[in-house]
Amino acid sequence: MSGRRTVYEIYWEILVYCKTPRSFTAIINRCDLNSKTGQEYLEFLVAKRYIALVKEGEKSSYQSTPVAAEYIVLFSSLYQKLFDASPEFKL
């Protein structure tokens, strides 16, 4: 398997990382994304209601929603069956 992540792995990484509220900058830095790509991923996840934009005053952050839990579990299970290993994402 190559070192390149699939879109599904990136979604999983974002959702796992955002179990607690995270800023846009923290997400793109932690998940190793550029701003444009990171924004596209987050917009998709918000549209699917897997991530919520949380505003506190002037501060905005993103947090995984309860709906995201199903994706996290399904992706982890599928990955485990395909590769006999848990997805790698060190928090």
C-alpha atoms as a PDB file:
ATOM      1  CA  MET A   1       0.000   0.000   0.000  1.00  0.00           C
ATOM      2  CA  SER A   2       1.343   3.440  -0.908  1.00  0.00           C
ATOM      3  CA  GLY A   3       1.826   6.226   1.600  1.00  0.00           C
ATOM      4  CA  ARG A   4      -0.822   8.335  -0.092  1.00  0.00           C
ATOM      5  CA  ARG A   5      -4.088   8.691   1.864  1.00  0.00           C
ATOM      6  CA  THR A   6      -7.484   8.223   0.313  1.00  0.00           C
ATOM      7  CA  VAL A   7     -10.222  10.813   0.652  1.00  0.00           C
ATOM      8  CA  TYR A   8     -11.987   8.443   3.065  1.00  0.00           C
ATOM      9  CA  GLU A   9      -8.921   8.248   5.296  1.00  0.00           C
ATOM     10  CA  ILE A  10      -8.683  12.030   5.349  1.00  0.00           C
ATOM     11  CA  TYR A  11     -12.371  12.326   6.293  1.00  0.00           C
ATOM     12  CA  TRP A  12     -11.780   9.784   9.058  1.00  0.00           C
ATOM     13  CA  GLU A  13      -8.723  11.683  10.333  1.00  0.00           C
ATOM     14  CA  ILE A  14     -10.639  14.973  10.422  1.00  0.00           C
ATOM     15  CA  LEU A  15     -13.619  13.416  12.193  1.00  0.00           C
ATOM     16  CA  VAL A  16     -11.474  11.684  14.809  1.00  0.00           C
ATOM     17  CA  TYR A  17      -9.386  14.815  15.409  1.00  0.00           C
ATOM     18  CA  CYS A  18     -12.505  16.963  15.759  1.00  0.00           C
ATOM     19  CA  LYS A  19     -14.088  14.911  18.536  1.00  0.00           C
ATOM     20  CA  THR A  20     -13.168  17.991  20.537  1.00  0.00           C
ATOM     21  CA  PRO A  21     -13.600  21.422  18.893  1.00  0.00           C
ATOM     22  CA  ARG A  22     -10.667  22.388  16.663  1.00  0.00           C
ATOM     23  CA  SER A  23      -9.817  25.516  14.722  1.00  0.00           C
ATOM     24  CA  PHE A  24      -9.460  25.439  10.954  1.00  0.00           C
ATOM     25  CA  THR A  25      -5.724  26.074  11.284  1.00  0.00           C
ATOM     26  CA  ALA A  26      -5.291  23.245  13.792  1.00  0.00           C
ATOM     27  CA  ILE A  27      -7.164  20.837  11.476  1.00  0.00           C
ATOM     28  CA  ILE A  28      -5.173  21.603   8.346  1.00  0.00           C
ATOM     29  CA  ASN A  29      -1.883  21.482  10.259  1.00  0.00           C
ATOM     30  CA  ARG A  30      -2.667  18.229  12.099  1.00  0.00           C
ATOM     31  CA  CYS A  31      -4.151  16.491   9.050  1.00  0.00           C
ATOM     32  CA  ASP A  32      -1.412  17.820   6.732  1.00  0.00           C
ATOM     33  CA  LEU A  33      -3.720  19.606   4.268  1.00  0.00           C
ATOM     34  CA  ASN A  34      -3.395  22.869   2.392  1.00  0.00           C
ATOM     35  CA  SER A  35      -5.984  25.588   3.051  1.00  0.00           C
ATOM     36  CA  LYS A  36      -7.934  25.106  -0.187  1.00  0.00           C
ATOM     37  CA  THR A  37      -8.176  21.324   0.143  1.00  0.00           C
ATOM     38  CA  GLY A  38      -8.895  21.546   3.864  1.00  0.00           C
ATOM     39  CA  GLN A  39     -11.743  23.969   3.218  1.00  0.00           C
ATOM     40  CA  GLU A  40     -13.232  21.612   0.604  1.00  0.00           C
ATOM     41  CA  TYR A  41     -13.115  18.646   2.988  1.00  0.00           C
ATOM     42  CA  LEU A  42     -14.679  20.628   5.818  1.00  0.00           C
ATOM     43  CA  GLU A  43     -17.434  22.046   3.582  1.00  0.00           C
ATOM     44  CA  PHE A  44     -18.304  18.510   2.473  1.00  0.00           C
ATOM     45  CA  LEU A  45     -18.371  17.208   6.055  1.00  0.00           C
ATOM     46  CA  VAL A  46     -20.496  20.170   7.199  1.00  0.00           C
ATOM     47  CA  ALA A  47     -22.927  19.585   4.300  1.00  0.00           C
ATOM     48  CA  LYS A  48     -23.224  15.920   5.349  1.00  0.00           C
ATOM     49  CA  ARG A  49     -23.720  17.040   8.983  1.00  0.00           C
ATOM     50  CA  TYR A  50     -20.685  15.037  10.151  1.00  0.00           C
ATOM     51  CA  ILE A  51     -18.979  18.221  11.366  1.00  0.00           C
ATOM     52  CA  ALA A  52     -20.569  21.290  12.913  1.00  0.00           C
ATOM     53  CA  LEU A  53     -19.180  24.798  12.832  1.00  0.00           C
ATOM     54  CA  VAL A  54     -19.184  26.057  16.409  1.00  0.00           C
ATOM     55  CA  LYS A  55     -18.979  29.813  16.959  1.00  0.00           C
ATOM     56  CA  GLU A  56     -18.055  31.314  20.306  1.00  0.00           C
ATOM     57  CA  GLY A  57     -17.873  35.071  19.945  1.00  0.00           C
ATOM     58  CA  GLU A  58     -15.364  35.766  17.200  1.00  0.00           C
ATOM     59  CA  LYS A  59     -13.793  32.321  17.516  1.00  0.00           C
ATOM     60  CA  SER A  60     -14.906  29.498  15.208  1.00  0.00           C
ATOM     61  CA  SER A  61     -14.110  25.827  15.504  1.00  0.00           C
ATOM     62  CA  TYR A  62     -15.259  22.544  14.034  1.00  0.00           C
ATOM     63  CA  GLN A  63     -16.537  19.564  15.994  1.00  0.00           C
ATOM     64  CA  SER A  64     -17.636  16.086  14.942  1.00  0.00           C
ATOM     65  CA  THR A  65     -21.344  15.463  15.400  1.00  0.00           C
ATOM     66  CA  PRO A  66     -23.009  12.305  16.728  1.00  0.00           C
ATOM     67  CA  VAL A  67     -23.808  11.415  13.085  1.00  0.00           C
ATOM     68  CA  ALA A  68     -20.044  11.146  12.435  1.00  0.00           C
ATOM     69  CA  ALA A  69     -19.701   8.312  14.949  1.00  0.00           C
ATOM     70  CA  GLU A  70     -21.271   5.868  12.493  1.00  0.00           C
ATOM     71  CA  TYR A  71     -18.768   6.832   9.754  1.00  0.00           C
ATOM     72  CA  ILE A  72     -15.834   6.509  12.161  1.00  0.00           C
ATOM     73  CA  VAL A  73     -16.917   3.024  13.265  1.00  0.00           C
ATOM     74  CA  LEU A  74     -17.708   1.790   9.738  1.00  0.00           C
ATOM     75  CA  PHE A  75     -14.485   3.140   8.254  1.00  0.00           C
ATOM     76  CA  SER A  76     -12.398   1.686  11.077  1.00  0.00           C
ATOM     77  CA  SER A  77     -14.063  -1.706  10.680  1.00  0.00           C
ATOM     78  CA  LEU A  78     -13.608  -1.771   6.905  1.00  0.00           C
ATOM     79  CA  TYR A  79      -9.979  -0.684   7.191  1.00  0.00           C
ATOM     80  CA  GLN A  80      -9.334  -3.399   9.788  1.00  0.00           C
ATOM     81  CA  LYS A  81     -10.818  -6.075   7.509  1.00  0.00           C
ATOM     82  CA  LEU A  82      -8.866  -4.914   4.454  1.00  0.00           C
ATOM     83  CA  PHE A  83      -5.477  -4.391   6.050  1.00  0.00           C
ATOM     84  CA  ASP A  84      -5.529  -6.360   9.333  1.00  0.00           C
ATOM     85  CA  ALA A  85      -4.567  -3.155  11.112  1.00  0.00           C
ATOM     86  CA  SER A  86      -6.227  -0.132  12.637  1.00  0.00           C
ATOM     87  CA  PRO A  87      -6.118   3.111  10.670  1.00  0.00           C
ATOM     88  CA  GLU A  88      -3.052   5.103  11.667  1.00  0.00           C
ATOM     89  CA  PHE A  89      -3.674   8.509  13.159  1.00  0.00           C
ATOM     90  CA  LYS A  90      -1.792   9.503  16.248  1.00  0.00           C
ATOM     91  CA  LEU A  91      -3.652  12.048  18.363  1.00  0.00           C
END
